[in-house]
Amino acid sequence: PESFKERFNVDVRILSEATAIDPNAKIVTIKDWRSGDTYQESYDKLVLSPGAEPGRPALGAAESQRIFTLRNIPDTYKIKDFITMNEPKSAIVIGGGYIGLEMAENLSHAGLFVTLLQRSNQVLRNTLDFDMACDVHNELYAKGVDLNFNQTIKSYAEENDQVIVTTESDQFTADMLLISVGVSPESTLAKNCGVNVNERGYIVTNDRMETNVADIYALGDAVEVTHFVTGEKAAIPLAGPANKQGRIVADNICGIDSHYEGTQGTSVLKCFSLTIAATGLTESQAKKAGIDYIASVTYSEDHAAYYPNAAKMGIKLLFAPADGKILGAQIVGKEGVDKRCDVIATAIRGGMTVYDLTKLELCYVPPFSSAKDPINMAGFVAENILSGKVDIYHWDEIPQLDQTKVTMLDVTTPKEYQKGHIPGAINIPVDELRKRIGELDKSKPVYVNCAIGLRGYIACRILTQNGFT
């Protein structure tokens, strides 16, 4: 407060809660939590930025020193102090979103055995599709986190210095519990003074961040936004959009005509040694919005393969079949994931297509990239699909294939094939395919796979040029 007063002449009042707004008289009622007194302040313009509070299902102990949610800095101190003073050995985390995964990692680093309970069949359900989430699952398993999917919580309670969480199918016990099951907008104050909110409680504004009540603006995690890709209304509580909205509100209050153009949901997360980033739409979001799309997945080294410590980076790209316009991306890897996601986020904001990705001139030196950057490679693959050079299929289509009518062909090496392969797939390494092509039935469509995608593509080109489908 002192530094804000000194530098900006802003009167910051902590431990002060706005309890009511009278928009006709332009008066805010405020409670001082230190003295207990209530007083009023008038305003010319009012900005609402109440944020969102963590959800806590009413399924058990309302008050317990062993049950936590995480929203702010004081919450982190409560968790840290509990661990320091009580030396717990185990923790349960409910919810596999951003906060849930970050807490699973940090509790593990603090020496606790972590059990993570997730209601659906994957973590990061609003950020990643299932196939991309599987890399995250493998990382969590490898780091010792006990992952439990399809767990619907029935109750939680503290008993004998332990927390017991009961689900529909099981029971879990630990020394502490962190609940991370999403957020809800703190919009009661706004609603009570006549500000419009949507059915989920998010404050409705126009693109100048104005509410329906004169001289009242709203921004941040409590407001409804327009999704940049779909054009539909959405709730996307992220810090970047909130800060931009703050600037737009300030502009408009000061007479500068400024407009918010929507949120595309660009985000990044650290999970142990992985970096996870996404922007735009996932497959499930595209389906829900009724948007036609093609999805491609590429795996590239995060820097030149011959330079030490190169690691695979998975990029899932969604694009429009008609013109190749980029609709979204999900990236999971170790180094440089945020950089690649930022490039695609910029491309989406600029209305670019996958064809444009092939033309981007990006930084290259072996420690940081390859001469054909992973972004270029994602563009090349998408271009090959759109131009008809190759047809693609996805993991979830395999169970529906009638293997009496198609040929499943694995073009990895025999050693790779022995480590694991699609059931029913025959093995012809790509380097032997030309001389062994007579072993394949030309009357059947051939479904090719390899470990990464490159050898599969080469095999498809060989087969296509030899009259196979």
Protein backbone atom coordinates (compact mmCIF):
# COMPACT_ATOMS: atom_id res chain seq x y z
CA PRO A 1 0.00 0.00 0.00
CA GLU A 2 2.76 2.46 0.89
CA SER A 3 4.58 2.07 -2.43
CA PHE A 4 1.34 2.50 -4.42
CA LYS A 5 0.62 5.69 -2.50
CA GLU A 6 4.14 7.01 -2.91
CA ARG A 7 4.49 6.31 -6.64
CA PHE A 8 0.93 6.55 -8.02
CA ASN A 9 -0.99 8.42 -5.29
CA VAL A 10 -3.35 5.42 -5.10
CA ASP A 11 -5.13 4.86 -1.78
CA VAL A 12 -4.89 1.09 -1.23
CA ARG A 13 -7.02 -0.23 1.63
CA ILE A 14 -6.27 -3.78 2.70
CA LEU A 15 -8.54 -5.82 4.99
CA SER A 16 -11.41 -3.77 3.58
CA GLU A 17 -14.40 -5.52 2.00
CA ALA A 18 -16.91 -3.92 -0.34
CA THR A 19 -20.25 -5.29 0.87
CA ALA A 20 -22.79 -3.36 -1.26
CA ILE A 21 -23.05 -1.07 -4.28
CA ASP A 22 -25.74 1.56 -4.86
CA PRO A 23 -25.43 2.34 -8.60
CA ASN A 24 -28.05 5.09 -8.46
CA ALA A 25 -26.32 7.07 -5.73
CA LYS A 26 -22.89 5.82 -6.93
CA ILE A 27 -21.93 4.71 -3.42
CA VAL A 28 -20.00 1.65 -2.21
CA THR A 29 -20.44 0.32 1.33
CA ILE A 30 -17.19 -0.94 2.86
CA LYS A 31 -16.41 -2.96 5.99
CA ASP A 32 -13.07 -2.42 7.73
CA TRP A 33 -12.20 -5.86 9.09
CA ARG A 34 -9.64 -4.47 11.55
CA SER A 35 -12.01 -2.12 13.37
CA GLY A 36 -15.30 -3.74 12.42
CA ASP A 37 -16.63 -0.36 11.26
CA THR A 38 -18.72 0.14 8.12
CA TYR A 39 -18.47 3.26 6.01
CA GLN A 40 -19.33 4.52 2.51
CA GLU A 41 -17.36 5.91 -0.45
CA SER A 42 -18.69 7.57 -3.59
CA TYR A 43 -17.42 6.93 -7.12
CA ASP A 44 -17.52 8.38 -10.63
CA LYS A 45 -16.44 5.12 -12.27
CA LEU A 46 -16.38 1.70 -10.62
CA VAL A 47 -14.22 -1.26 -11.64
CA LEU A 48 -15.12 -4.78 -10.50
CA SER A 49 -12.25 -7.25 -10.40
CA PRO A 50 -13.29 -9.76 -7.73
CA GLY A 51 -11.69 -12.80 -9.33
CA ALA A 52 -12.77 -16.39 -8.82
CA GLU A 53 -12.73 -18.56 -5.73
CA PRO A 54 -11.69 -22.23 -5.60
CA GLY A 55 -14.54 -24.69 -5.52
CA ARG A 56 -15.02 -26.75 -2.38
CA PRO A 57 -17.83 -29.30 -2.61
CA ALA A 58 -19.98 -29.48 0.51
CA LEU A 59 -19.20 -33.17 1.01
CA GLY A 60 -17.47 -33.21 4.37
CA ALA A 61 -15.54 -31.35 7.03
CA ALA A 62 -16.21 -27.64 6.71
CA GLU A 63 -13.27 -26.80 9.00
CA SER A 64 -10.13 -28.88 9.29
CA GLN A 65 -6.48 -28.00 9.72
CA ARG A 66 -5.65 -30.80 7.28
CA ILE A 67 -7.88 -29.75 4.36
CA PHE A 68 -6.74 -26.96 2.03
CA THR A 69 -7.64 -25.01 -1.07
CA LEU A 70 -5.19 -22.75 -2.90
CA ARG A 71 -5.99 -19.31 -4.25
CA ASN A 72 -3.54 -16.77 -2.87
CA ILE A 73 -0.25 -16.23 -1.05
CA PRO A 74 -1.69 -16.69 2.47
CA ASP A 75 -3.02 -20.09 1.34
CA THR A 76 0.50 -21.13 0.33
CA TYR A 77 1.82 -20.16 3.76
CA LYS A 78 -0.89 -22.23 5.45
CA ILE A 79 0.13 -25.29 3.42
CA LYS A 80 3.86 -24.72 3.92
CA ASP A 81 3.49 -24.07 7.66
CA PHE A 82 1.37 -27.21 8.09
CA ILE A 83 4.04 -29.32 6.37
CA THR A 84 6.85 -27.71 8.42
CA MET A 85 5.08 -28.11 11.77
CA ASN A 86 3.36 -31.50 11.28
CA GLU A 87 5.76 -33.32 8.93
CA PRO A 88 3.03 -35.18 7.03
CA LYS A 89 4.09 -38.20 5.02
CA SER A 90 1.22 -38.33 2.52
CA ALA A 91 -1.25 -36.08 0.70
CA ILE A 92 -4.34 -36.47 -1.42
CA VAL A 93 -4.98 -33.99 -4.23
CA ILE A 94 -8.51 -33.86 -5.66
CA GLY A 95 -8.50 -32.52 -9.20
CA GLY A 96 -6.07 -32.81 -12.11
CA GLY A 97 -6.16 -29.25 -13.44
CA TYR A 98 -3.39 -26.64 -13.32
CA ILE A 99 -3.37 -26.18 -9.54
CA GLY A 100 -3.82 -29.89 -8.86
CA LEU A 101 -0.81 -30.88 -10.97
CA GLU A 102 1.38 -28.06 -9.67
CA MET A 103 0.52 -29.06 -6.10
CA ALA A 104 1.11 -32.75 -6.80
CA GLU A 105 4.60 -31.84 -8.02
CA ASN A 106 5.43 -29.50 -5.15
CA LEU A 107 4.09 -31.84 -2.46
CA SER A 108 6.17 -34.63 -4.00
CA HIS A 109 9.25 -32.38 -3.91
CA ALA A 110 8.45 -31.72 -0.23
CA GLY A 111 8.82 -35.46 0.40
CA LEU A 112 5.17 -36.51 0.57
CA PHE A 113 3.61 -39.51 -1.14
CA VAL A 114 0.91 -37.99 -3.35
CA THR A 115 -2.37 -39.57 -4.42
CA LEU A 116 -4.21 -37.67 -7.15
CA LEU A 117 -7.95 -38.28 -7.64
CA GLN A 118 -9.48 -37.23 -10.96
CA ARG A 119 -13.18 -37.43 -11.83
CA SER A 120 -12.65 -38.04 -15.57
CA ASN A 121 -10.29 -40.39 -17.43
CA GLN A 122 -7.50 -37.83 -17.85
CA VAL A 123 -5.79 -34.83 -16.30
CA LEU A 124 -6.01 -31.32 -17.81
CA ARG A 125 -9.35 -32.14 -19.42
CA ASN A 126 -9.98 -28.52 -20.48
CA THR A 127 -6.47 -28.08 -21.89
CA LEU A 128 -5.44 -31.34 -23.59
CA ASP A 129 -7.06 -34.12 -25.56
CA PHE A 130 -6.70 -37.63 -24.13
CA ASP A 131 -3.86 -38.66 -26.45
CA MET A 132 -1.70 -35.69 -25.41
CA ALA A 133 -2.63 -36.11 -21.74
CA CYS A 134 -1.21 -39.65 -21.81
CA ASP A 135 2.33 -38.22 -21.91
CA VAL A 136 1.50 -36.27 -18.75
CA HIS A 137 0.07 -39.39 -17.09
CA ASN A 138 3.30 -41.28 -17.84
CA GLU A 139 5.35 -38.46 -16.29
CA LEU A 140 3.23 -38.46 -13.12
CA TYR A 141 3.48 -42.25 -12.81
CA ALA A 142 7.25 -42.09 -13.34
CA LYS A 143 7.61 -39.50 -10.58
CA GLY A 144 5.71 -41.67 -8.08
CA VAL A 145 2.32 -39.98 -8.07
CA ASP A 146 -0.54 -42.43 -7.46
CA LEU A 147 -3.00 -41.49 -10.24
CA ASN A 148 -6.61 -42.59 -9.87
CA PHE A 149 -9.09 -41.82 -12.66
CA ASN A 150 -12.90 -41.93 -12.83
CA GLN A 151 -13.16 -41.13 -9.14
CA THR A 152 -16.36 -39.36 -8.09
CA ILE A 153 -15.99 -37.99 -4.57
CA LYS A 154 -18.75 -38.89 -2.11
CA SER A 155 -17.28 -37.45 1.08
CA TYR A 156 -14.14 -36.39 2.90
CA ALA A 157 -13.54 -36.13 6.64
CA GLU A 158 -10.82 -35.85 9.25
CA GLU A 159 -10.46 -38.79 11.62
CA ASN A 160 -7.62 -39.53 14.06
CA ASP A 161 -5.19 -37.03 12.51
CA GLN A 162 -5.88 -38.34 9.01
CA VAL A 163 -8.08 -37.30 6.12
CA ILE A 164 -10.32 -39.97 4.64
CA VAL A 165 -11.69 -39.44 1.12
CA THR A 166 -14.47 -41.77 0.03
CA THR A 167 -15.31 -42.15 -3.65
CA GLU A 168 -18.00 -44.19 -5.36
CA SER A 169 -15.54 -47.05 -5.86
CA ASP A 170 -12.82 -46.73 -3.22
CA GLN A 171 -11.47 -45.05 -0.09
CA PHE A 172 -8.21 -43.11 0.29
CA THR A 173 -6.37 -42.01 3.44
CA ALA A 174 -3.61 -39.42 3.87
CA ASP A 175 -2.20 -36.88 6.32
CA MET A 176 -3.54 -33.87 4.38
CA LEU A 177 -5.92 -33.02 1.54
CA LEU A 178 -5.80 -30.36 -1.15
CA ILE A 179 -9.04 -29.70 -3.04
CA SER A 180 -8.59 -28.30 -6.55
CA VAL A 181 -11.83 -28.82 -8.47
CA GLY A 182 -12.08 -25.60 -10.46
CA VAL A 183 -13.20 -22.07 -9.65
CA SER A 184 -16.39 -20.05 -9.43
CA PRO A 185 -16.68 -16.30 -10.12
CA GLU A 186 -17.11 -14.07 -7.08
CA SER A 187 -19.94 -12.10 -8.65
CA THR A 188 -22.47 -11.83 -5.80
CA LEU A 189 -21.67 -8.15 -5.18
CA ALA A 190 -22.15 -7.37 -8.86
CA LYS A 191 -25.36 -9.35 -9.14
CA ASN A 192 -26.84 -7.68 -6.05
CA CYS A 193 -26.50 -4.21 -7.59
CA GLY A 194 -28.16 -5.15 -10.88
CA VAL A 195 -25.14 -6.08 -12.99
CA ASN A 196 -25.99 -8.85 -15.47
CA VAL A 197 -24.36 -12.24 -15.00
CA ASN A 198 -24.70 -15.37 -17.14
CA GLU A 199 -26.15 -18.69 -16.01
CA ARG A 200 -22.80 -19.71 -14.47
CA GLY A 201 -22.47 -16.46 -12.55
CA TYR A 202 -19.87 -14.77 -14.77
CA ILE A 203 -20.28 -11.01 -15.21
CA VAL A 204 -21.45 -9.98 -18.68
CA THR A 205 -19.64 -7.06 -20.37
CA ASN A 206 -19.28 -5.60 -23.85
CA ASP A 207 -15.93 -5.42 -25.63
CA ARG A 208 -15.13 -2.17 -23.79
CA MET A 209 -15.47 -4.17 -20.55
CA GLU A 210 -18.58 -2.17 -19.59
CA THR A 211 -21.41 -3.87 -17.71
CA ASN A 212 -25.09 -3.11 -18.27
CA VAL A 213 -24.97 -0.64 -15.35
CA ALA A 214 -23.70 2.82 -16.26
CA ASP A 215 -20.14 3.63 -15.17
CA ILE A 216 -19.48 0.12 -13.84
CA TYR A 217 -16.75 -1.94 -15.56
CA ALA A 218 -15.68 -5.51 -14.88
CA LEU A 219 -12.61 -7.58 -15.76
CA GLY A 220 -10.59 -10.66 -14.90
CA ASP A 221 -11.54 -14.14 -13.79
CA ALA A 222 -15.10 -13.11 -12.90
CA VAL A 223 -16.13 -12.00 -16.40
CA GLU A 224 -17.51 -13.83 -19.40
CA VAL A 225 -15.35 -13.52 -22.52
CA THR A 226 -15.71 -14.23 -26.23
CA HIS A 227 -13.57 -17.13 -27.44
CA PHE A 228 -11.29 -15.77 -30.16
CA VAL A 229 -11.54 -18.89 -32.33
CA THR A 230 -15.20 -19.88 -31.99
CA GLY A 231 -16.73 -16.47 -31.40
CA GLU A 232 -18.85 -18.03 -28.64
CA LYS A 233 -19.14 -16.89 -25.04
CA ALA A 234 -16.79 -18.65 -22.61
CA ALA A 235 -15.17 -18.51 -19.19
CA ILE A 236 -11.37 -18.62 -19.45
CA PRO A 237 -9.78 -17.46 -16.18
CA LEU A 238 -6.17 -16.62 -17.08
CA ALA A 239 -3.79 -13.91 -15.90
CA GLY A 240 -2.75 -12.64 -19.36
CA PRO A 241 -6.27 -11.78 -20.53
CA ALA A 242 -7.09 -10.23 -17.13
CA ASN A 243 -4.15 -7.85 -17.36
CA LYS A 244 -5.04 -6.82 -20.91
CA GLN A 245 -8.62 -6.18 -19.82
CA GLY A 246 -7.31 -3.95 -17.03
CA ARG A 247 -5.50 -1.79 -19.56
CA ILE A 248 -8.61 -1.61 -21.75
CA VAL A 249 -10.78 -0.54 -18.78
CA ALA A 250 -8.26 2.17 -17.87
CA ASP A 251 -8.16 3.39 -21.48
CA ASN A 252 -11.93 3.71 -21.69
CA ILE A 253 -12.22 5.46 -18.32
CA CYS A 254 -9.63 7.96 -19.55
CA GLY A 255 -11.43 8.57 -22.85
CA ILE A 256 -9.34 6.30 -25.09
CA ASP A 257 -11.57 4.04 -27.20
CA SER A 258 -10.23 0.54 -26.50
CA HIS A 259 -11.75 -2.88 -27.20
CA TYR A 260 -11.08 -6.46 -26.05
CA GLU A 261 -10.95 -8.84 -29.00
CA GLY A 262 -11.41 -12.15 -27.18
CA THR A 263 -9.51 -14.88 -25.39
CA GLN A 264 -7.97 -17.92 -27.08
CA GLY A 265 -6.88 -19.70 -23.90
CA THR A 266 -3.11 -19.74 -24.35
CA SER A 267 -1.58 -21.41 -21.31
CA VAL A 268 1.53 -23.21 -20.10
CA LEU A 269 2.22 -25.50 -17.16
CA LYS A 270 5.28 -27.15 -15.62
CA CYS A 271 4.77 -30.72 -14.39
CA PHE A 272 7.98 -32.24 -13.04
CA SER A 273 10.30 -32.43 -16.09
CA LEU A 274 7.52 -31.75 -18.61
CA THR A 275 6.26 -28.50 -20.03
CA ILE A 276 2.65 -28.52 -21.23
CA ALA A 277 1.22 -25.72 -23.36
CA ALA A 278 -1.93 -25.13 -25.37
CA THR A 279 -3.71 -22.45 -27.35
CA GLY A 280 -7.02 -22.27 -29.21
CA LEU A 281 -9.28 -25.30 -29.44
CA THR A 282 -8.97 -28.93 -28.38
CA GLU A 283 -10.81 -31.63 -30.33
CA SER A 284 -13.60 -31.81 -27.78
CA GLN A 285 -14.05 -28.03 -27.85
CA ALA A 286 -14.11 -28.00 -31.66
CA LYS A 287 -16.74 -30.75 -31.69
CA LYS A 288 -18.85 -28.92 -29.12
CA ALA A 289 -18.68 -25.73 -31.21
CA GLY A 290 -19.59 -27.65 -34.38
CA ILE A 291 -16.35 -26.67 -36.10
CA ASP A 292 -14.96 -29.00 -38.77
CA TYR A 293 -11.30 -29.78 -38.25
CA ILE A 294 -8.38 -32.07 -39.01
CA ALA A 295 -5.92 -33.04 -36.27
CA SER A 296 -2.31 -34.00 -36.86
CA VAL A 297 0.32 -35.05 -34.32
CA THR A 298 4.05 -34.65 -34.92
CA TYR A 299 7.02 -35.59 -32.73
CA SER A 300 10.22 -33.59 -33.20
CA GLU A 301 13.36 -33.11 -31.14
CA ASP A 302 13.30 -29.85 -29.20
CA HIS A 303 16.73 -29.07 -30.65
CA ALA A 304 19.11 -30.67 -33.14
CA ALA A 305 19.21 -34.42 -32.48
CA TYR A 306 23.01 -34.58 -32.58
CA TYR A 307 23.35 -31.88 -29.90
CA PRO A 308 23.32 -33.31 -26.34
CA ASN A 309 20.08 -33.87 -24.41
CA ALA A 310 17.64 -33.54 -27.29
CA ALA A 311 14.16 -34.72 -26.29
CA LYS A 312 10.99 -35.42 -28.21
CA MET A 313 8.28 -32.76 -28.31
CA GLY A 314 4.73 -33.73 -29.27
CA ILE A 315 2.73 -31.14 -31.19
CA LYS A 316 -0.96 -31.67 -31.87
CA LEU A 317 -2.29 -29.23 -34.43
CA LEU A 318 -5.94 -28.59 -35.27
CA PHE A 319 -6.73 -26.87 -38.56
CA ALA A 320 -9.64 -26.28 -40.92
CA PRO A 321 -10.00 -28.77 -43.82
CA ALA A 322 -11.17 -26.06 -46.24
CA ASP A 323 -8.31 -23.59 -46.02
CA GLY A 324 -5.84 -24.83 -43.40
CA LYS A 325 -6.66 -22.06 -40.93
CA ILE A 326 -5.10 -22.89 -37.56
CA LEU A 327 -7.68 -23.63 -34.86
CA GLY A 328 -5.57 -24.81 -31.94
CA ALA A 329 -2.48 -26.59 -30.71
CA GLN A 330 -1.33 -28.70 -27.78
CA ILE A 331 2.36 -29.25 -27.08
CA VAL A 332 4.00 -31.56 -24.53
CA GLY A 333 7.76 -31.82 -24.12
CA LYS A 334 10.70 -30.60 -22.08
CA GLU A 335 12.54 -27.55 -23.46
CA GLY A 336 11.19 -24.90 -25.81
CA VAL A 337 7.52 -25.90 -25.53
CA ASP A 338 6.42 -22.42 -24.49
CA LYS A 339 8.28 -20.84 -27.41
CA ARG A 340 6.55 -23.08 -29.98
CA CYS A 341 3.13 -22.56 -28.42
CA ASP A 342 3.66 -18.80 -28.46
CA VAL A 343 4.44 -18.97 -32.19
CA ILE A 344 1.20 -20.84 -32.90
CA ALA A 345 -0.77 -18.54 -30.57
CA THR A 346 0.53 -15.60 -32.59
CA ALA A 347 -0.36 -17.36 -35.83
CA ILE A 348 -3.94 -17.94 -34.61
CA ARG A 349 -4.28 -14.30 -33.56
CA GLY A 350 -3.05 -13.27 -37.01
CA GLY A 351 -5.47 -15.58 -38.85
CA MET A 352 -2.65 -17.63 -40.35
CA THR A 353 -2.87 -21.08 -41.91
CA VAL A 354 -0.76 -24.22 -41.71
CA TYR A 355 0.73 -23.23 -45.04
CA ASP A 356 2.12 -20.14 -43.32
CA LEU A 357 3.81 -22.32 -40.69
CA THR A 358 5.93 -23.93 -43.40
CA LYS A 359 7.25 -20.49 -44.39
CA LEU A 360 8.13 -19.12 -40.94
CA GLU A 361 11.79 -18.24 -40.54
CA LEU A 362 12.52 -19.13 -36.92
CA CYS A 363 15.70 -19.02 -34.84
CA TYR A 364 18.07 -21.90 -35.46
CA VAL A 365 21.26 -23.01 -33.82
CA PRO A 366 21.72 -26.64 -32.65
CA PRO A 367 21.28 -26.03 -28.88
CA PHE A 368 17.84 -24.47 -29.44
CA SER A 369 16.22 -25.87 -32.57
CA SER A 370 16.70 -27.62 -35.90
CA ALA A 371 16.99 -26.12 -39.35
CA LYS A 372 13.40 -27.27 -39.82
CA ASP A 373 11.87 -26.16 -36.53
CA PRO A 374 9.16 -28.35 -34.93
CA ILE A 375 6.69 -25.63 -35.93
CA ASN A 376 7.79 -25.90 -39.57
CA MET A 377 7.47 -29.70 -39.35
CA ALA A 378 3.92 -29.44 -38.00
CA GLY A 379 3.12 -27.18 -40.93
CA PHE A 380 4.73 -29.55 -43.46
CA VAL A 381 2.71 -32.51 -42.16
CA ALA A 382 -0.55 -30.54 -42.18
CA GLU A 383 0.21 -29.36 -45.73
CA ASN A 384 0.87 -32.95 -46.83
CA ILE A 385 -2.52 -33.98 -45.44
CA LEU A 386 -4.41 -31.11 -47.08
CA SER A 387 -2.67 -31.63 -50.43
CA GLY A 388 -3.58 -35.35 -50.46
CA LYS A 389 -0.01 -36.64 -50.30
CA VAL A 390 -1.01 -38.84 -47.37
CA ASP A 391 -4.17 -39.93 -45.59
CA ILE A 392 -4.13 -40.19 -41.80
CA TYR A 393 -5.87 -42.19 -39.11
CA HIS A 394 -5.87 -41.81 -35.33
CA TRP A 395 -5.40 -44.12 -32.34
CA ASP A 396 -9.11 -44.14 -31.44
CA GLU A 397 -10.11 -45.43 -34.91
CA ILE A 398 -8.17 -48.69 -34.55
CA PRO A 399 -10.82 -50.63 -32.55
CA GLN A 400 -13.36 -49.96 -35.33
CA LEU A 401 -11.15 -51.35 -38.11
CA ASP A 402 -12.10 -54.77 -39.50
CA GLN A 403 -8.69 -56.39 -39.77
CA THR A 404 -10.01 -59.02 -42.19
CA LYS A 405 -10.57 -56.18 -44.68
CA VAL A 406 -7.49 -54.02 -44.06
CA THR A 407 -3.76 -54.57 -43.55
CA MET A 408 -2.18 -53.18 -40.41
CA LEU A 409 1.48 -52.52 -41.25
CA ASP A 410 4.15 -51.66 -38.69
CA VAL A 411 7.31 -50.29 -40.37
CA THR A 412 9.54 -50.11 -37.28
CA THR A 413 12.56 -52.36 -36.75
CA PRO A 414 12.01 -55.92 -35.45
CA LYS A 415 13.44 -54.92 -32.07
CA GLU A 416 11.02 -51.99 -31.80
CA TYR A 417 8.15 -54.20 -32.95
CA GLN A 418 8.91 -56.74 -30.22
CA LYS A 419 8.78 -54.02 -27.56
CA GLY A 420 5.17 -53.26 -28.48
CA HIS A 421 2.89 -53.02 -31.49
CA ILE A 422 -0.73 -52.65 -32.51
CA PRO A 423 -2.41 -56.07 -32.20
CA GLY A 424 -2.72 -57.70 -35.62
CA ALA A 425 -0.10 -55.49 -37.28
CA ILE A 426 2.48 -57.22 -39.48
CA ASN A 427 6.07 -55.98 -39.38
CA ILE A 428 8.00 -54.93 -42.48
CA PRO A 429 10.71 -52.34 -41.67
CA VAL A 430 10.50 -49.32 -43.96
CA ASP A 431 13.97 -49.97 -45.38
CA GLU A 432 12.84 -53.44 -46.53
CA LEU A 433 9.44 -52.35 -47.86
CA ARG A 434 10.34 -51.95 -51.54
CA LYS A 435 11.77 -55.46 -51.87
CA ARG A 436 9.02 -57.05 -49.72
CA ILE A 437 6.06 -55.11 -51.11
CA GLY A 438 4.79 -58.30 -52.80
CA GLU A 439 3.89 -59.66 -49.36
CA LEU A 440 1.03 -57.13 -49.14
CA ASP A 441 -2.45 -57.59 -50.62
CA LYS A 442 -3.07 -54.66 -52.97
CA SER A 443 -6.84 -55.18 -52.74
CA LYS A 444 -6.84 -54.15 -49.06
CA PRO A 445 -6.27 -50.64 -47.69
CA VAL A 446 -3.01 -50.47 -45.74
CA TYR A 447 -2.92 -48.73 -42.35
CA VAL A 448 0.69 -47.85 -41.58
CA ASN A 449 2.30 -46.93 -38.29
CA CYS A 450 5.77 -46.40 -36.91
CA ALA A 451 7.18 -44.95 -33.67
CA ILE A 452 7.12 -41.24 -34.51
CA GLY A 453 5.51 -40.71 -37.92
CA LEU A 454 8.34 -40.07 -40.37
CA ARG A 455 8.90 -43.71 -41.39
CA GLY A 456 5.14 -44.19 -41.61
CA TYR A 457 4.89 -41.26 -44.00
CA ILE A 458 7.74 -42.57 -46.16
CA ALA A 459 6.09 -46.01 -46.28
CA CYS A 460 2.78 -44.42 -47.29
CA ARG A 461 4.45 -42.62 -50.17
CA ILE A 462 6.14 -45.85 -51.34
CA LEU A 463 2.86 -47.76 -51.17
CA THR A 464 0.84 -45.02 -52.88
CA GLN A 465 3.33 -44.84 -55.73
CA ASN A 466 2.99 -48.62 -56.12
CA GLY A 467 -0.80 -48.53 -56.43
CA PHE A 468 -1.85 -49.23 -52.84
CA THR A 469 -4.54 -47.36 -50.93
